[in-house]
N, C-alpha and C. Protein backbone atom coordinates (compact mmCIF):
# COMPACT_ATOMS: atom_id res chain seq x y z
N MET A 1 70.83 -6.43 46.05
CA MET A 1 69.82 -6.21 45.02
C MET A 1 69.37 -7.54 44.42
N ARG A 2 70.31 -8.44 44.21
CA ARG A 2 69.99 -9.73 43.61
C ARG A 2 69.09 -10.55 44.55
N GLU A 3 69.35 -10.47 45.86
CA GLU A 3 68.54 -11.18 46.84
C GLU A 3 67.12 -10.63 46.84
N PHE A 4 66.99 -9.32 46.71
CA PHE A 4 65.67 -8.70 46.68
C PHE A 4 64.87 -9.20 45.49
N ARG A 5 65.48 -9.28 44.31
CA ARG A 5 64.79 -9.76 43.12
C ARG A 5 64.39 -11.22 43.27
N SER A 6 65.23 -12.01 43.89
CA SER A 6 64.92 -13.42 44.11
C SER A 6 63.74 -13.57 45.07
N ILE A 7 63.76 -12.81 46.14
CA ILE A 7 62.66 -12.85 47.11
C ILE A 7 61.38 -12.34 46.48
N PHE A 8 61.47 -11.26 45.72
CA PHE A 8 60.29 -10.72 45.04
C PHE A 8 59.74 -11.74 44.02
N GLY A 9 60.60 -12.38 43.26
CA GLY A 9 60.16 -13.41 42.30
C GLY A 9 59.48 -14.57 42.98
N LEU A 10 60.03 -15.01 44.10
CA LEU A 10 59.43 -16.09 44.86
C LEU A 10 58.07 -15.68 45.42
N LEU A 11 57.96 -14.45 45.89
CA LEU A 11 56.70 -13.94 46.40
C LEU A 11 55.63 -13.89 45.30
N VAL A 12 56.02 -13.45 44.10
CA VAL A 12 55.09 -13.40 42.98
C VAL A 12 54.61 -14.81 42.63
N LEU A 13 55.51 -15.78 42.63
CA LEU A 13 55.13 -17.16 42.36
C LEU A 13 54.18 -17.71 43.41
N LEU A 14 54.43 -17.41 44.67
CA LEU A 14 53.56 -17.87 45.74
C LEU A 14 52.17 -17.25 45.64
N VAL A 15 52.10 -15.96 45.38
CA VAL A 15 50.80 -15.29 45.24
C VAL A 15 50.06 -15.84 44.03
N GLY A 16 50.77 -16.02 42.91
CA GLY A 16 50.14 -16.58 41.72
C GLY A 16 49.63 -17.99 41.95
N GLY A 17 50.39 -18.79 42.66
CA GLY A 17 49.96 -20.15 42.99
C GLY A 17 48.74 -20.16 43.88
N PHE A 18 48.69 -19.24 44.84
CA PHE A 18 47.53 -19.16 45.73
C PHE A 18 46.28 -18.75 44.96
N VAL A 19 46.41 -17.77 44.07
CA VAL A 19 45.27 -17.33 43.26
C VAL A 19 44.77 -18.49 42.38
N LEU A 20 45.69 -19.21 41.75
CA LEU A 20 45.28 -20.36 40.95
C LEU A 20 44.59 -21.42 41.81
N TYR A 21 45.10 -21.65 43.00
CA TYR A 21 44.52 -22.63 43.91
C TYR A 21 43.07 -22.27 44.24
N ARG A 22 42.77 -20.98 44.35
CA ARG A 22 41.42 -20.54 44.69
C ARG A 22 40.50 -20.44 43.48
N VAL A 23 41.03 -20.09 42.31
CA VAL A 23 40.20 -19.80 41.13
C VAL A 23 40.03 -21.02 40.23
N LEU A 24 41.05 -21.83 40.11
CA LEU A 24 41.02 -22.95 39.17
C LEU A 24 39.88 -23.95 39.41
N PRO A 25 39.50 -24.27 40.65
CA PRO A 25 38.38 -25.19 40.84
C PRO A 25 37.07 -24.71 40.20
N ALA A 26 36.84 -23.39 40.18
CA ALA A 26 35.62 -22.87 39.54
C ALA A 26 35.63 -23.13 38.04
N TYR A 27 36.77 -22.95 37.41
CA TYR A 27 36.88 -23.21 35.97
C TYR A 27 36.82 -24.71 35.67
N TRP A 28 37.39 -25.52 36.53
CA TRP A 28 37.33 -26.96 36.34
C TRP A 28 35.89 -27.46 36.48
N GLY A 29 35.15 -26.91 37.45
CA GLY A 29 33.74 -27.25 37.61
C GLY A 29 32.92 -26.84 36.40
N ASP A 30 33.23 -25.68 35.83
CA ASP A 30 32.52 -25.25 34.62
C ASP A 30 32.82 -26.17 33.45
N PHE A 31 34.06 -26.63 33.35
CA PHE A 31 34.40 -27.59 32.29
C PHE A 31 33.59 -28.87 32.44
N LYS A 32 33.52 -29.40 33.68
CA LYS A 32 32.77 -30.63 33.90
C LYS A 32 31.28 -30.41 33.67
N LEU A 33 30.77 -29.23 34.02
CA LEU A 33 29.37 -28.92 33.76
C LEU A 33 29.10 -28.88 32.26
N GLY A 34 30.01 -28.32 31.49
CA GLY A 34 29.85 -28.29 30.04
C GLY A 34 29.78 -29.68 29.46
N ARG A 35 30.62 -30.58 29.94
CA ARG A 35 30.57 -31.98 29.48
C ARG A 35 29.25 -32.63 29.86
N LEU A 36 28.77 -32.35 31.07
CA LEU A 36 27.50 -32.90 31.54
C LEU A 36 26.34 -32.41 30.68
N ILE A 37 26.32 -31.11 30.39
CA ILE A 37 25.24 -30.53 29.58
C ILE A 37 25.28 -31.12 28.17
N GLU A 38 26.47 -31.28 27.62
CA GLU A 38 26.60 -31.88 26.29
C GLU A 38 26.04 -33.31 26.29
N GLU A 39 26.41 -34.07 27.28
CA GLU A 39 25.93 -35.45 27.38
C GLU A 39 24.41 -35.50 27.53
N GLN A 40 23.88 -34.66 28.42
CA GLN A 40 22.44 -34.68 28.67
C GLN A 40 21.63 -34.16 27.48
N SER A 41 22.18 -33.23 26.72
CA SER A 41 21.44 -32.74 25.56
C SER A 41 21.34 -33.82 24.49
N VAL A 42 22.37 -34.64 24.34
CA VAL A 42 22.32 -35.74 23.37
C VAL A 42 21.34 -36.81 23.85
N VAL A 43 21.44 -37.21 25.11
CA VAL A 43 20.59 -38.28 25.64
C VAL A 43 19.13 -37.86 25.66
N ASN A 44 18.84 -36.65 26.08
CA ASN A 44 17.45 -36.23 26.28
C ASN A 44 16.79 -35.68 25.02
N THR A 45 17.50 -35.59 23.92
CA THR A 45 16.86 -35.21 22.66
C THR A 45 15.88 -36.29 22.23
N TYR A 46 16.20 -37.53 22.56
CA TYR A 46 15.42 -38.67 22.08
C TYR A 46 14.51 -39.29 23.13
N ASN A 47 14.37 -38.71 24.31
CA ASN A 47 13.44 -39.28 25.28
C ASN A 47 12.42 -38.25 25.71
N THR A 48 11.52 -38.65 26.58
CA THR A 48 10.37 -37.81 26.91
C THR A 48 10.44 -37.21 28.32
N LYS A 49 11.63 -37.03 28.86
CA LYS A 49 11.74 -36.37 30.16
C LYS A 49 11.27 -34.93 30.03
N SER A 50 10.63 -34.43 31.08
CA SER A 50 10.18 -33.05 31.05
C SER A 50 11.37 -32.11 31.22
N ASP A 51 11.16 -30.86 30.85
CA ASP A 51 12.23 -29.87 30.98
C ASP A 51 12.64 -29.69 32.43
N GLY A 52 11.68 -29.73 33.34
CA GLY A 52 11.98 -29.59 34.76
C GLY A 52 12.81 -30.75 35.30
N GLU A 53 12.51 -31.96 34.82
CA GLU A 53 13.29 -33.12 35.26
C GLU A 53 14.73 -33.03 34.77
N ILE A 54 14.90 -32.57 33.54
CA ILE A 54 16.26 -32.41 33.00
C ILE A 54 17.03 -31.37 33.80
N ALA A 55 16.38 -30.24 34.08
CA ALA A 55 17.04 -29.17 34.84
C ALA A 55 17.41 -29.64 36.25
N ALA A 56 16.50 -30.38 36.89
CA ALA A 56 16.78 -30.88 38.24
C ALA A 56 17.94 -31.87 38.23
N LEU A 57 17.98 -32.74 37.23
CA LEU A 57 19.07 -33.72 37.12
C LEU A 57 20.42 -33.03 36.93
N ILE A 58 20.45 -32.04 36.05
CA ILE A 58 21.70 -31.31 35.80
C ILE A 58 22.15 -30.57 37.05
N ALA A 59 21.22 -29.91 37.74
CA ALA A 59 21.58 -29.18 38.96
C ALA A 59 22.09 -30.13 40.04
N GLN A 60 21.46 -31.29 40.16
CA GLN A 60 21.90 -32.26 41.17
C GLN A 60 23.30 -32.77 40.87
N LYS A 61 23.56 -33.14 39.61
CA LYS A 61 24.89 -33.65 39.26
C LYS A 61 25.94 -32.54 39.33
N ALA A 62 25.56 -31.30 39.01
CA ALA A 62 26.50 -30.19 39.09
C ALA A 62 26.93 -29.95 40.53
N ASN A 63 26.00 -30.09 41.45
CA ASN A 63 26.34 -29.89 42.86
C ASN A 63 27.29 -30.97 43.37
N GLU A 64 27.30 -32.13 42.73
CA GLU A 64 28.23 -33.19 43.13
C GLU A 64 29.68 -32.79 42.87
N PHE A 65 29.93 -31.95 41.84
CA PHE A 65 31.29 -31.47 41.63
C PHE A 65 31.42 -29.99 41.92
N ASP A 66 30.73 -29.55 42.98
CA ASP A 66 30.89 -28.23 43.60
C ASP A 66 30.60 -27.05 42.67
N VAL A 67 29.62 -27.21 41.80
CA VAL A 67 29.13 -26.08 41.00
C VAL A 67 27.82 -25.64 41.63
N PRO A 68 27.75 -24.39 42.13
CA PRO A 68 26.54 -23.93 42.82
C PRO A 68 25.42 -23.60 41.82
N LEU A 69 24.68 -24.62 41.43
CA LEU A 69 23.67 -24.47 40.38
C LEU A 69 22.33 -24.95 40.91
N THR A 70 21.29 -24.17 40.66
CA THR A 70 19.93 -24.56 41.03
C THR A 70 19.16 -24.89 39.76
N PRO A 71 18.07 -25.66 39.87
CA PRO A 71 17.28 -25.97 38.67
C PRO A 71 16.73 -24.73 37.98
N GLU A 72 16.52 -23.65 38.72
CA GLU A 72 16.02 -22.42 38.12
C GLU A 72 17.05 -21.75 37.22
N GLU A 73 18.32 -22.04 37.44
CA GLU A 73 19.38 -21.45 36.62
C GLU A 73 19.66 -22.26 35.35
N VAL A 74 18.99 -23.39 35.22
CA VAL A 74 19.14 -24.23 34.03
C VAL A 74 17.92 -24.02 33.14
N LYS A 75 18.15 -23.61 31.91
CA LYS A 75 17.05 -23.38 30.97
C LYS A 75 17.09 -24.47 29.90
N VAL A 76 15.96 -25.13 29.72
CA VAL A 76 15.84 -26.20 28.72
C VAL A 76 14.81 -25.75 27.71
N GLN A 77 15.18 -25.73 26.44
CA GLN A 77 14.27 -25.30 25.37
C GLN A 77 14.22 -26.38 24.30
N ARG A 78 13.00 -26.69 23.88
CA ARG A 78 12.79 -27.62 22.77
C ARG A 78 12.07 -26.88 21.67
N GLU A 79 12.59 -26.98 20.47
CA GLU A 79 11.94 -26.36 19.32
C GLU A 79 12.42 -27.01 18.04
N ALA A 80 11.49 -27.39 17.20
CA ALA A 80 11.77 -27.93 15.86
C ALA A 80 12.82 -29.04 15.86
N GLY A 81 12.68 -30.01 16.77
CA GLY A 81 13.61 -31.12 16.81
C GLY A 81 14.96 -30.81 17.43
N ARG A 82 15.08 -29.68 18.07
CA ARG A 82 16.33 -29.30 18.74
C ARG A 82 16.11 -29.22 20.25
N LEU A 83 17.13 -29.57 20.98
CA LEU A 83 17.12 -29.43 22.43
C LEU A 83 18.31 -28.57 22.81
N THR A 84 18.02 -27.45 23.47
CA THR A 84 19.07 -26.55 23.94
C THR A 84 19.02 -26.49 25.45
N ILE A 85 20.16 -26.71 26.07
CA ILE A 85 20.29 -26.62 27.52
C ILE A 85 21.32 -25.54 27.82
N THR A 86 20.92 -24.57 28.65
CA THR A 86 21.79 -23.46 29.01
C THR A 86 21.81 -23.31 30.53
N ALA A 87 22.98 -23.09 31.08
CA ALA A 87 23.11 -22.85 32.52
C ALA A 87 23.93 -21.58 32.72
N GLU A 88 23.37 -20.65 33.48
CA GLU A 88 24.08 -19.41 33.84
C GLU A 88 24.17 -19.36 35.36
N TYR A 89 25.38 -19.14 35.86
CA TYR A 89 25.57 -19.09 37.30
C TYR A 89 26.83 -18.29 37.62
N ALA A 90 26.97 -17.96 38.89
CA ALA A 90 28.14 -17.20 39.35
C ALA A 90 28.78 -17.94 40.52
N VAL A 91 30.09 -17.85 40.58
CA VAL A 91 30.85 -18.44 41.68
C VAL A 91 31.61 -17.32 42.37
N HIS A 92 31.43 -17.21 43.68
CA HIS A 92 32.14 -16.19 44.45
C HIS A 92 33.46 -16.78 44.95
N VAL A 93 34.56 -16.10 44.68
CA VAL A 93 35.88 -16.53 45.12
C VAL A 93 36.40 -15.51 46.12
N ASP A 94 36.68 -15.97 47.32
CA ASP A 94 37.19 -15.08 48.37
C ASP A 94 38.71 -15.04 48.32
N LEU A 95 39.23 -13.98 47.74
CA LEU A 95 40.67 -13.73 47.79
C LEU A 95 40.89 -12.67 48.86
N PRO A 96 42.01 -12.70 49.56
CA PRO A 96 42.20 -11.79 50.69
C PRO A 96 42.06 -10.31 50.36
N ILE A 97 42.60 -9.86 49.26
CA ILE A 97 42.57 -8.44 48.95
C ILE A 97 41.47 -8.10 47.96
N TYR A 98 41.20 -9.01 47.03
CA TYR A 98 40.27 -8.72 45.94
C TYR A 98 39.30 -9.88 45.74
N PRO A 99 38.20 -9.93 46.52
CA PRO A 99 37.20 -10.98 46.28
C PRO A 99 36.52 -10.73 44.93
N LEU A 100 36.20 -11.81 44.23
CA LEU A 100 35.60 -11.63 42.91
C LEU A 100 34.52 -12.65 42.65
N ASP A 101 33.63 -12.30 41.73
CA ASP A 101 32.58 -13.18 41.27
C ASP A 101 32.89 -13.58 39.83
N LEU A 102 32.93 -14.86 39.59
CA LEU A 102 33.17 -15.38 38.25
C LEU A 102 31.81 -15.78 37.67
N ASN A 103 31.44 -15.21 36.54
CA ASN A 103 30.17 -15.51 35.89
C ASN A 103 30.40 -16.50 34.75
N PHE A 104 29.61 -17.56 34.75
CA PHE A 104 29.74 -18.60 33.74
C PHE A 104 28.42 -18.76 33.00
N LYS A 105 28.51 -19.06 31.71
CA LYS A 105 27.35 -19.42 30.91
C LYS A 105 27.77 -20.58 30.02
N THR A 106 27.13 -21.72 30.24
CA THR A 106 27.44 -22.93 29.50
C THR A 106 26.20 -23.36 28.75
N SER A 107 26.36 -23.70 27.48
CA SER A 107 25.20 -24.04 26.66
C SER A 107 25.57 -25.11 25.64
N ASN A 108 24.57 -25.89 25.25
CA ASN A 108 24.75 -26.87 24.18
C ASN A 108 23.42 -27.10 23.50
N THR A 109 23.46 -27.30 22.19
CA THR A 109 22.28 -27.59 21.39
C THR A 109 22.50 -28.90 20.65
N ASN A 110 21.49 -29.74 20.66
CA ASN A 110 21.55 -31.00 19.91
C ASN A 110 20.32 -31.09 19.03
N LYS A 111 20.53 -31.50 17.79
CA LYS A 111 19.43 -31.62 16.83
C LYS A 111 19.06 -33.08 16.67
N ASN A 112 17.76 -33.34 16.69
CA ASN A 112 17.25 -34.69 16.47
C ASN A 112 17.45 -35.05 15.00
N ALA A 113 18.22 -36.09 14.73
CA ALA A 113 18.53 -36.48 13.36
C ALA A 113 17.32 -37.05 12.64
N MET A 114 16.28 -37.45 13.39
CA MET A 114 15.10 -38.05 12.77
C MET A 114 14.11 -37.00 12.28
N LYS A 115 14.28 -35.76 12.70
CA LYS A 115 13.38 -34.68 12.27
C LYS A 115 14.15 -33.69 11.41
N ASN A 116 13.45 -33.06 10.50
CA ASN A 116 14.09 -32.05 9.63
C ASN A 116 13.97 -30.68 10.17
């Protein structure tokens, strides 16, 4: 009985490790995308890049760290001295028994300090 519990515990650890190995990169990519969006919202609040250029830049850099993002999934809004950048996307994770789609929404707003 003790051997069975040890084998079962080891099996649970292996399965859990495999699931983390497959799922964790998607969450890590979302974390890096959030940092990128935060950085770009601060930088682009004060310059004259178009919304399309900002979206294309974010999508290009996101693809560098394996986030499947297109410029159409990045929404850039400017209103009353504020710049809001939002990205919504899904990542498909192929697990042997239970494939799943992880949906992410990352957003940041920056206010221009020179405008009221």
